[in-house]
């Protein structure tokens, strides 16, 4: 009797195992027909991608969709969760009414035929990215697809111009700087370091550090902006008509002012410029500006006085 019970138990286990194996290895009626993604996406811009699911069964089928790497933060970390924009021919139940970020693994009910879901995507780092989509049915892996996304990295550069002016017996040398961005997409956290070096003593007399964010105009291919931009807003009121006129003024000040005096330096503070150096006529300086963003490092330098200014200000050298 015990032997018969044992035989029936073994036979039951074998039959159940065989049934599970047959179910597991039997091709599913559900598959991922394709993934299409928006092109031309840039850093910090939200886009969409569409997942098409095919249900060849004559009835509704419940599957679990797992979406990976649709959002990546500024540290390069893939965020867990998805945002569904739209869907068709399937039943999708969001976690809340506002359709905010939902779980990356979500069970949906597919209707017979073609079903589709539109997801949102966004990346805060440049470079290649890969979105992966997997579908499961009762824990069984059914199908997977992926699509490559490329987020272009804009290029930064520097442009420096120097200018010489005369105030009494003092030479006023100024250096103006512009940050430039080439390519589509913004550049946040561009670190600019400014150093003024006395070339006669080979010592650094002043340093300055500032961070910038560069925004191309309407995602254009090329854009530039001054490093020092003072904005002044003035409002004019007309008491007769009650009209208010707002005037927005930009003052593009130099990043460095170097005053070279014959005698005592002036009392001028040059408060609009972040770096001010006061020396004597005959001193020679080098202004070095370095901009760093991600793995990009660009540098530019000018000499004060510039060789052309020294030649033009010396009558004997000029006549020779």
Protein backbone atom coordinates (compact mmCIF):
# COMPACT_ATOMS: atom_id res chain seq x y z
CA UNK A 1 0.00 0.00 0.00
CA UNK A 2 2.77 2.34 0.93
CA UNK A 3 4.57 1.51 -2.32
CA UNK A 4 1.46 2.39 -4.37
CA UNK A 5 1.11 5.75 -2.59
CA UNK A 6 4.77 6.50 -3.18
CA UNK A 7 4.46 5.57 -6.86
CA UNK A 8 1.39 7.80 -7.28
CA UNK A 9 3.18 10.68 -5.52
CA UNK A 10 6.21 10.36 -7.75
CA UNK A 11 4.02 10.12 -10.86
CA UNK A 12 2.10 13.24 -9.81
CA UNK A 13 5.32 15.19 -9.27
CA UNK A 14 6.67 14.05 -12.63
CA UNK A 15 3.45 14.99 -14.46
CA UNK A 16 3.30 18.40 -12.77
CA UNK A 17 6.96 19.05 -13.58
CA UNK A 18 6.40 18.03 -17.17
CA UNK A 19 3.38 20.32 -17.42
CA UNK A 20 5.37 23.22 -15.99
CA UNK A 21 8.24 22.54 -18.40
CA UNK A 22 5.86 22.34 -21.35
CA UNK A 23 4.21 25.64 -20.31
CA UNK A 24 7.55 27.31 -19.71
CA UNK A 25 9.06 26.38 -23.07
CA UNK A 26 5.89 26.82 -25.12
CA UNK A 27 6.18 30.02 -27.22
CA UNK A 28 3.96 32.82 -25.96
CA UNK A 29 1.28 34.53 -27.99
CA UNK A 30 2.66 37.89 -26.79
CA UNK A 31 5.74 39.66 -28.14
CA UNK A 32 7.32 43.10 -28.41
CA UNK A 33 6.71 44.20 -31.98
CA UNK A 34 8.99 47.23 -31.82
CA UNK A 35 10.33 50.27 -29.99
CA UNK A 36 10.52 53.72 -31.56
CA UNK A 37 12.10 56.71 -29.85
CA UNK A 38 12.17 60.44 -30.46
CA UNK A 39 15.37 61.63 -32.11
CA UNK A 40 17.39 64.80 -31.55
CA UNK A 41 17.06 64.69 -27.77
CA UNK A 42 19.53 66.88 -25.83
CA UNK A 43 20.62 67.15 -22.20
CA UNK A 44 17.78 68.08 -19.86
CA UNK A 45 15.09 67.75 -22.52
CA UNK A 46 12.13 65.40 -22.09
CA UNK A 47 11.19 63.12 -24.96
CA UNK A 48 9.07 60.05 -25.62
CA UNK A 49 9.44 56.49 -26.87
CA UNK A 50 6.74 54.10 -28.04
CA UNK A 51 6.55 50.37 -27.24
CA UNK A 52 4.32 48.22 -29.49
CA UNK A 53 3.13 44.88 -28.05
CA UNK A 54 1.49 42.17 -30.15
CA UNK A 55 -1.07 39.81 -28.61
CA UNK A 56 -1.89 36.95 -30.98
CA UNK A 57 -4.15 35.19 -28.49
CA UNK A 58 -7.94 35.38 -29.05
CA UNK A 59 -8.44 36.73 -25.52
CA UNK A 60 -7.02 39.27 -23.11
CA UNK A 61 -3.60 38.46 -21.66
CA UNK A 62 -2.04 39.87 -18.50
CA UNK A 63 1.68 40.61 -18.74
CA UNK A 64 4.21 42.54 -16.68
CA UNK A 65 6.28 45.17 -18.48
CA UNK A 66 9.68 46.12 -17.08
CA UNK A 67 11.26 49.34 -18.42
CA UNK A 68 14.90 50.16 -17.67
CA UNK A 69 16.96 53.33 -18.11
CA UNK A 70 14.32 55.75 -19.33
CA UNK A 71 15.55 58.45 -16.91
CA UNK A 72 19.17 59.18 -15.92
CA UNK A 73 20.15 61.92 -13.46
CA UNK A 74 23.10 64.31 -13.54
CA UNK A 75 25.28 61.76 -11.73
CA UNK A 76 24.68 59.15 -14.41
CA UNK A 77 22.40 57.06 -12.18
CA UNK A 78 19.46 55.35 -13.85
CA UNK A 79 16.28 56.27 -11.98
CA UNK A 80 13.70 53.65 -11.11
CA UNK A 81 10.24 54.44 -12.38
CA UNK A 82 8.48 55.42 -15.58
CA UNK A 83 6.01 58.02 -16.75
CA UNK A 84 3.31 56.84 -19.12
CA UNK A 85 2.11 59.48 -21.57
CA UNK A 86 -0.49 57.51 -23.51
CA UNK A 87 -1.56 53.96 -24.37
CA UNK A 88 -3.93 52.17 -26.69
CA UNK A 89 -5.88 48.88 -26.93
CA UNK A 90 -4.85 47.83 -23.40
CA UNK A 91 -5.87 48.34 -19.80
CA UNK A 92 -3.35 50.32 -17.74
CA UNK A 93 -3.95 51.31 -14.14
CA UNK A 94 -1.69 54.12 -12.89
CA UNK A 95 -0.74 54.45 -9.23
CA UNK A 96 -2.43 57.83 -9.01
CA UNK A 97 -4.73 60.09 -10.93
CA UNK A 98 -2.00 62.61 -11.86
CA UNK A 99 -0.15 59.93 -13.84
CA UNK A 100 3.10 60.78 -12.08
CA UNK A 101 6.15 58.55 -11.92
CA UNK A 102 4.96 54.94 -11.75
CA UNK A 103 6.80 51.71 -10.93
CA UNK A 104 9.13 50.44 -13.65
CA UNK A 105 7.50 46.99 -13.43
CA UNK A 106 3.81 47.22 -14.21
CA UNK A 107 1.17 44.60 -14.99
CA UNK A 108 -1.09 45.47 -17.90
CA UNK A 109 -3.89 43.70 -19.74
CA UNK A 110 -3.29 43.33 -23.47
CA UNK A 111 -6.21 43.16 -25.84
CA UNK A 112 -6.05 40.86 -28.88
CA UNK A 113 -4.05 42.46 -31.68
CA UNK A 114 -1.67 45.41 -31.49
CA UNK A 115 -1.21 47.29 -28.21
CA UNK A 116 1.00 50.30 -27.55
CA UNK A 117 2.33 52.41 -24.70
CA UNK A 118 4.09 55.79 -24.94
CA UNK A 119 6.66 56.44 -22.21
CA UNK A 120 8.55 59.60 -21.33
CA UNK A 121 12.35 59.69 -21.24
CA UNK A 122 14.99 62.21 -20.17
CA UNK A 123 18.74 62.35 -19.58
CA UNK A 124 20.88 64.84 -17.70
CA UNK A 125 24.18 63.43 -18.95
CA UNK A 126 25.51 63.22 -22.51
CA UNK A 127 26.60 60.10 -24.35
CA UNK A 128 25.03 56.82 -25.46
CA UNK A 129 22.10 55.40 -23.50
CA UNK A 130 20.12 52.19 -23.90
CA UNK A 131 16.46 51.74 -23.04
CA UNK A 132 15.51 48.13 -22.31
CA UNK A 133 11.99 46.73 -22.23
CA UNK A 134 11.14 43.24 -20.95
CA UNK A 135 7.79 41.46 -20.65
CA UNK A 136 6.87 38.60 -18.31
CA UNK A 137 3.79 36.43 -17.88
CA UNK A 138 3.27 34.96 -14.42
CA UNK A 139 6.99 35.31 -13.77
CA UNK A 140 7.97 33.68 -17.08
CA UNK A 141 10.23 35.75 -19.33
CA UNK A 142 8.57 36.25 -22.72
CA UNK A 143 10.44 38.81 -24.79
CA UNK A 144 12.77 41.81 -24.64
CA UNK A 145 13.81 44.65 -26.89
CA UNK A 146 16.18 47.58 -26.56
CA UNK A 147 16.85 50.83 -28.36
CA UNK A 148 19.98 53.00 -28.35
CA UNK A 149 19.68 56.71 -27.57
CA UNK A 150 22.51 59.17 -28.14
CA UNK A 151 22.57 62.41 -26.16
CA UNK A 152 25.08 64.76 -27.87
CA UNK A 153 27.56 66.69 -25.75
CA UNK A 154 27.97 70.39 -26.55
CA UNK A 155 31.48 71.83 -26.74
CA UNK A 156 32.63 74.82 -24.71
CA UNK A 157 35.28 77.38 -25.67
CA UNK A 158 36.70 80.73 -24.56
CA UNK A 159 37.23 84.08 -26.23
CA UNK A 160 39.31 86.83 -24.61
CA UNK A 161 39.83 90.41 -25.79
CA UNK A 162 42.05 93.00 -24.18
CA UNK A 163 41.68 96.77 -24.31
CA UNK A 164 43.92 99.65 -23.30
CA UNK A 165 42.74 103.03 -22.07
CA UNK A 166 44.43 106.09 -20.56
CA UNK A 167 43.24 107.89 -17.44
CA UNK A 168 45.60 110.80 -16.77
CA UNK A 169 49.04 109.24 -16.44
CA UNK A 170 47.66 105.76 -15.71
CA UNK A 171 47.26 102.94 -18.21
CA UNK A 172 44.01 101.01 -17.77
CA UNK A 173 44.20 97.52 -19.27
CA UNK A 174 41.01 95.47 -19.32
CA UNK A 175 40.33 91.88 -20.36
CA UNK A 176 36.85 90.92 -21.51
CA UNK A 177 35.82 87.29 -21.65
CA UNK A 178 33.10 85.33 -23.42
CA UNK A 179 32.04 81.73 -22.88
CA UNK A 180 30.90 79.95 -26.03
CA UNK A 181 28.90 76.76 -26.50
CA UNK A 182 28.79 74.84 -29.77
CA UNK A 183 26.21 72.12 -30.27
CA UNK A 184 22.72 71.55 -28.95
CA UNK A 185 21.93 71.34 -25.27
CA UNK A 186 22.88 73.31 -22.15
CA UNK A 187 26.09 73.08 -20.13
CA UNK A 188 25.52 73.39 -16.38
CA UNK A 189 28.30 73.87 -13.86
CA UNK A 190 31.02 75.26 -16.14
CA UNK A 191 33.84 76.20 -13.74
CA UNK A 192 35.96 79.19 -14.77
CA UNK A 193 39.27 79.97 -13.04
CA UNK A 194 41.01 83.30 -13.64
CA UNK A 195 44.65 83.87 -12.68
CA UNK A 196 46.75 87.01 -13.03
CA UNK A 197 50.51 86.30 -13.01
CA UNK A 198 53.27 88.89 -12.64
CA UNK A 199 55.74 87.73 -15.26
CA UNK A 200 58.63 89.77 -13.81
CA UNK A 201 58.43 88.04 -10.41
CA UNK A 202 56.74 84.86 -11.71
CA UNK A 203 54.11 85.08 -8.94
CA UNK A 204 50.34 84.81 -9.01
CA UNK A 205 48.92 88.09 -7.75
CA UNK A 206 45.20 87.34 -8.02
CA UNK A 207 42.84 84.41 -8.60
CA UNK A 208 39.10 84.11 -9.04
CA UNK A 209 36.65 81.22 -9.51
CA UNK A 210 33.06 81.27 -10.74
CA UNK A 211 30.52 78.76 -12.08
CA UNK A 212 28.35 79.37 -15.13
CA UNK A 213 25.45 77.69 -16.89
CA UNK A 214 25.33 78.04 -20.66
CA UNK A 215 22.02 77.89 -22.48
CA UNK A 216 21.94 77.87 -26.28
CA UNK A 217 19.27 80.15 -27.66
CA UNK A 218 16.28 78.04 -28.71
CA UNK A 219 18.59 74.99 -28.83
CA UNK A 220 20.56 76.61 -31.65
CA UNK A 221 23.91 75.21 -32.70
CA UNK A 222 26.06 78.10 -31.47
CA UNK A 223 25.73 80.61 -28.66
CA UNK A 224 27.99 82.87 -26.60
CA UNK A 225 27.72 85.12 -23.58
CA UNK A 226 29.88 87.52 -21.58
CA UNK A 227 31.42 86.29 -18.33
CA UNK A 228 30.45 89.48 -16.49
CA UNK A 229 26.92 90.68 -17.22
CA UNK A 230 25.42 93.23 -14.86
CA UNK A 231 21.70 93.67 -15.41
CA UNK A 232 19.95 96.82 -14.31
CA UNK A 233 16.20 97.18 -14.51
CA UNK A 234 14.75 100.68 -14.41
CA UNK A 235 11.07 101.50 -14.34
CA UNK A 236 9.79 104.86 -15.56
CA UNK A 237 6.36 106.06 -14.45
CA UNK A 238 4.36 108.61 -16.39
CA UNK A 239 2.15 110.46 -13.85
CA UNK A 240 -0.09 111.84 -16.60
CA UNK A 241 -1.16 108.59 -18.23
CA UNK A 242 -0.09 106.13 -15.52
CA UNK A 243 2.07 104.30 -18.06
CA UNK A 244 4.96 102.25 -16.69
CA UNK A 245 7.97 101.62 -18.91
CA UNK A 246 10.51 98.98 -17.92
CA UNK A 247 14.05 99.30 -19.30
CA UNK A 248 16.45 96.37 -18.95
CA UNK A 249 20.10 97.37 -19.32
CA UNK A 250 23.07 95.02 -19.60
CA UNK A 251 26.58 96.12 -18.65
CA UNK A 252 29.25 93.80 -20.04
CA UNK A 253 32.15 94.53 -17.71
CA UNK A 254 35.71 93.20 -18.02
CA UNK A 255 36.70 90.11 -16.06
CA UNK A 256 40.09 91.66 -15.23
CA UNK A 257 41.20 95.27 -14.77
CA UNK A 258 44.93 96.02 -14.49
CA UNK A 259 45.88 99.59 -13.68
CA UNK A 260 49.50 100.58 -14.36
CA UNK A 261 50.43 103.90 -12.79
CA UNK A 262 53.42 106.23 -13.12
CA UNK A 263 53.25 107.11 -9.43
CA UNK A 264 50.63 106.40 -6.80
CA UNK A 265 47.70 104.18 -7.84
CA UNK A 266 44.29 105.77 -8.23
CA UNK A 267 41.42 105.42 -5.76
CA UNK A 268 39.19 103.82 -8.41
CA UNK A 269 37.71 100.51 -7.16
CA UNK A 270 36.52 99.12 -10.56
CA UNK A 271 33.75 97.38 -8.61
CA UNK A 272 32.06 95.93 -11.70
CA UNK A 273 35.03 93.61 -12.36
CA UNK A 274 35.79 90.53 -10.23
CA UNK A 275 39.59 90.82 -10.57
CA UNK A 276 41.44 94.13 -10.08
CA UNK A 277 45.23 94.48 -10.02
CA UNK A 278 47.17 97.70 -9.53
CA UNK A 279 50.81 97.90 -10.56
CA UNK A 280 53.42 100.18 -12.06
CA UNK A 281 54.12 101.13 -15.65
CA UNK A 282 56.69 98.64 -16.87
CA UNK A 283 55.14 95.66 -15.08
CA UNK A 284 54.18 92.71 -17.22
CA UNK A 285 51.29 90.41 -16.50
CA UNK A 286 49.75 87.28 -17.95
CA UNK A 287 46.01 86.65 -17.57
CA UNK A 288 45.11 82.95 -17.79
CA UNK A 289 41.48 81.85 -17.99
CA UNK A 290 40.54 78.17 -17.81
CA UNK A 291 37.05 76.72 -18.21
CA UNK A 292 36.23 73.16 -17.13
CA UNK A 293 33.06 71.20 -17.81
CA UNK A 294 32.83 67.44 -17.41
CA UNK A 295 35.90 66.11 -19.25
CA UNK A 296 36.41 69.28 -21.30
CA UNK A 297 39.15 71.73 -20.34
CA UNK A 298 39.76 74.84 -22.45
CA UNK A 299 42.20 77.63 -21.69
CA UNK A 300 43.15 81.00 -23.12
CA UNK A 301 45.58 83.72 -22.07
CA UNK A 302 46.50 87.31 -22.87
CA UNK A 303 49.47 89.45 -21.90
CA UNK A 304 49.22 92.90 -20.33
CA UNK A 305 50.45 95.07 -21.86
CA UNK A 306 50.11 93.17 -25.11
CA UNK A 307 53.20 93.17 -27.39
CA UNK A 308 51.32 95.31 -29.93
CA UNK A 309 50.43 97.88 -27.30
CA UNK A 310 54.05 98.05 -26.08
CA UNK A 311 55.32 98.63 -29.61
CA UNK A 312 52.68 101.23 -30.46
CA UNK A 313 53.29 103.15 -27.22
CA UNK A 314 57.07 103.38 -27.76
CA UNK A 315 57.83 106.10 -30.37
CA UNK A 316 61.40 104.96 -30.87
CA UNK A 317 60.42 101.33 -31.53
CA UNK A 318 57.57 102.47 -33.72
CA UNK A 319 59.83 104.70 -35.86
CA UNK A 320 62.42 101.98 -36.18
